[in-house]
Amino acid sequence: MPSIAELMIAELDREAISTRKVLANVPEGKNDWKPHEKSMTLGYLAGLVATMPSWIASMIKRDYLDLGEGGPFTPPSSPKQLVEAFDAALAEAKDALASTTEEHLMTNWQLRMHGTVVYEAPRHIAIRDSAINHFVHHRGQLSVYLRLNDKPVPSIYGPSADER
């Protein structure tokens, strides 16, 4: 029977195929574009999708993430840089998963804001909910941004209007 980490690595590999295609279709020169005043910019969203798998390594190596610490996020800016950043983040996540234990994945991880715990769960749940499901959700948002910018939307879980 595969371990939790092996199952997560396999899921990341499956999601990586369509994620690379989405990131490769991000339009250049539109990083500041957003569909609504309350929305993220295209560049920020694409950078988030590209780098979020690296959160998995952090969730394995550290006991918490405090969103009140650290500096601003500077996303990669071209489709090539986005795919390269995604591949690096994916490799980092897979390496961390391959080197951890089932016991460690059962220990708690916390998300904090200026020292206050806002979320706590066993690592395997936090990784699934806050990293994998979260980046897949944002990839879906990014596919809508592609459509609104007249860029092809690649097949993700089945044919798209642009790929049949």
Protein backbone atom coordinates (compact mmCIF):
# COMPACT_ATOMS: atom_id res chain seq x y z
CA MET A 1 0.00 0.00 0.00
CA PRO A 2 1.42 3.43 -0.91
CA SER A 3 2.28 5.90 1.83
CA ILE A 4 0.52 9.25 2.24
CA ALA A 5 3.60 10.96 0.80
CA GLU A 6 3.66 8.65 -2.23
CA LEU A 7 -0.02 9.37 -2.89
CA MET A 8 0.62 13.12 -2.67
CA ILE A 9 3.61 12.89 -5.01
CA ALA A 10 1.50 11.00 -7.55
CA GLU A 11 -1.24 13.63 -7.27
CA LEU A 12 1.27 16.45 -7.75
CA ASP A 13 2.62 14.69 -10.85
CA ARG A 14 -0.90 14.41 -12.30
CA GLU A 15 -1.73 18.07 -11.56
CA ALA A 16 1.64 19.25 -12.91
CA ILE A 17 0.79 18.31 -16.49
CA SER A 18 -2.11 20.75 -16.83
CA THR A 19 -0.54 23.36 -14.55
CA ARG A 20 2.47 23.69 -16.88
CA LYS A 21 0.11 24.16 -19.85
CA VAL A 22 -1.88 26.86 -18.05
CA LEU A 23 1.27 28.72 -16.95
CA ALA A 24 2.76 28.50 -20.47
CA ASN A 25 -0.34 30.29 -21.83
CA VAL A 26 -0.17 33.28 -19.47
CA PRO A 27 -0.08 36.39 -21.66
CA GLU A 28 3.10 38.48 -21.47
CA GLY A 29 2.86 42.16 -20.66
CA LYS A 30 -0.42 41.83 -18.74
CA ASN A 31 0.86 41.22 -15.22
CA ASP A 32 -1.13 44.17 -13.84
CA TRP A 33 -4.41 43.12 -15.50
CA LYS A 34 -7.27 41.96 -13.27
CA PRO A 35 -10.92 41.21 -14.06
CA HIS A 36 -12.29 43.21 -11.12
CA GLU A 37 -10.98 45.81 -8.70
CA LYS A 38 -11.15 43.24 -5.85
CA SER A 39 -9.33 40.54 -7.86
CA MET A 40 -5.66 39.61 -7.80
CA THR A 41 -3.58 40.80 -10.71
CA LEU A 42 -2.80 38.30 -13.44
CA GLY A 43 0.92 38.36 -12.65
CA TYR A 44 0.42 37.81 -8.93
CA LEU A 45 -2.05 34.96 -9.50
CA ALA A 46 0.19 33.24 -12.05
CA GLY A 47 3.17 33.58 -9.72
CA LEU A 48 1.15 32.14 -6.87
CA VAL A 49 0.15 29.09 -8.93
CA ALA A 50 3.76 28.63 -10.02
CA THR A 51 5.25 28.76 -6.54
CA MET A 52 2.59 27.31 -4.22
CA PRO A 53 3.90 23.72 -4.39
CA SER A 54 6.98 24.95 -2.49
CA TRP A 55 4.67 25.57 0.46
CA ILE A 56 4.59 21.78 0.90
CA ALA A 57 8.31 21.67 1.67
CA SER A 58 7.88 24.48 4.18
CA MET A 59 4.96 22.67 5.81
CA ILE A 60 7.13 19.59 6.22
CA LYS A 61 10.27 21.37 7.39
CA ARG A 62 8.71 24.01 9.64
CA ASP A 63 6.09 23.77 12.37
CA TYR A 64 4.30 26.94 11.28
CA LEU A 65 4.08 29.75 8.79
CA ASP A 66 3.45 33.25 10.10
CA LEU A 67 1.92 35.43 7.38
CA GLY A 68 2.90 38.50 9.41
CA GLU A 69 6.59 37.77 8.80
CA GLY A 70 8.61 38.14 5.64
CA GLY A 71 8.65 40.52 2.75
CA PRO A 72 6.53 41.08 -0.34
CA PHE A 73 6.06 38.36 -2.94
CA THR A 74 7.69 39.12 -6.31
CA PRO A 75 6.28 36.69 -8.87
CA PRO A 76 8.08 35.43 -11.99
CA SER A 77 7.02 37.53 -14.97
CA SER A 78 7.17 35.50 -18.21
CA PRO A 79 5.51 32.20 -19.11
CA LYS A 80 8.96 30.58 -19.34
CA GLN A 81 9.90 31.87 -15.87
CA LEU A 82 6.53 30.74 -14.49
CA VAL A 83 7.01 27.17 -15.76
CA GLU A 84 10.59 27.10 -14.49
CA ALA A 85 9.47 28.37 -11.07
CA PHE A 86 6.70 25.77 -11.00
CA ASP A 87 9.12 22.95 -11.85
CA ALA A 88 11.50 24.10 -9.11
CA ALA A 89 8.67 24.36 -6.55
CA LEU A 90 7.34 20.96 -7.58
CA ALA A 91 10.77 19.34 -7.22
CA GLU A 92 11.19 20.92 -3.79
CA ALA A 93 7.77 19.62 -2.69
CA LYS A 94 8.39 16.12 -4.01
CA ASP A 95 11.84 15.94 -2.37
CA ALA A 96 10.39 17.00 0.98
CA LEU A 97 7.55 14.49 0.71
CA ALA A 98 9.93 11.69 -0.29
CA SER A 99 12.13 12.37 2.72
CA THR A 100 9.46 12.68 5.40
CA THR A 101 7.77 9.98 7.48
CA GLU A 102 4.17 8.99 8.02
CA GLU A 103 4.62 9.86 11.70
CA HIS A 104 5.79 13.38 10.86
CA LEU A 105 2.84 13.91 8.49
CA MET A 106 0.53 13.13 11.43
CA THR A 107 2.01 15.94 13.56
CA ASN A 108 0.33 19.33 13.65
CA TRP A 109 1.23 22.33 11.54
CA GLN A 110 0.05 25.89 12.15
CA LEU A 111 -0.74 28.95 10.10
CA ARG A 112 -0.26 32.12 12.13
CA MET A 113 -0.85 35.82 11.63
CA HIS A 114 1.45 37.99 13.73
CA GLY A 115 1.85 35.14 16.23
CA THR A 116 -1.84 34.25 16.51
CA VAL A 117 -2.78 30.75 15.33
CA VAL A 118 -5.48 31.02 12.65
CA TYR A 119 -5.38 27.40 11.45
CA GLU A 120 -3.99 24.17 12.82
CA ALA A 121 -4.22 20.64 11.46
CA PRO A 122 -2.13 17.51 11.01
CA ARG A 123 0.46 18.15 8.29
CA HIS A 124 -1.05 15.68 5.84
CA ILE A 125 -4.38 17.55 6.01
CA ALA A 126 -2.78 21.00 5.93
CA ILE A 127 -0.69 20.03 2.90
CA ARG A 128 -3.74 18.71 1.08
CA ASP A 129 -6.05 21.60 1.98
CA SER A 130 -3.71 24.59 2.15
CA ALA A 131 -1.24 23.67 -0.57
CA ILE A 132 -2.49 21.12 -3.11
CA ASN A 133 -6.21 21.96 -3.21
CA HIS A 134 -5.39 25.64 -2.86
CA PHE A 135 -3.03 25.77 -5.87
CA VAL A 136 -5.49 23.74 -7.97
CA HIS A 137 -8.21 26.25 -7.05
CA HIS A 138 -6.00 29.17 -8.10
CA ARG A 139 -5.07 27.35 -11.33
CA GLY A 140 -8.81 27.28 -12.09
CA GLN A 141 -9.00 31.04 -11.49
CA LEU A 142 -6.00 31.50 -13.74
CA SER A 143 -7.70 29.54 -16.54
CA VAL A 144 -10.58 32.06 -16.40
CA TYR A 145 -8.05 34.92 -16.62
CA LEU A 146 -6.67 33.23 -19.76
CA ARG A 147 -10.12 33.11 -21.34
CA LEU A 148 -10.80 36.76 -20.48
CA ASN A 149 -7.52 37.68 -22.21
CA ASP A 150 -8.30 35.66 -25.36
CA LYS A 151 -5.58 33.11 -24.60
CA PRO A 152 -6.24 29.40 -25.17
CA VAL A 153 -7.47 27.50 -22.14
CA PRO A 154 -5.77 24.09 -22.14
CA SER A 155 -7.45 20.87 -21.23
CA ILE A 156 -7.26 20.37 -17.47
CA TYR A 157 -9.54 17.46 -16.51
CA GLY A 158 -11.05 16.99 -19.93
CA PRO A 159 -11.36 18.81 -23.24
CA SER A 160 -11.65 22.59 -23.23
CA ALA A 161 -13.26 24.73 -25.90
CA ASP A 162 -9.72 25.31 -27.21
CA GLU A 163 -8.50 21.70 -27.11
CA ARG A 164 -10.81 19.00 -28.36
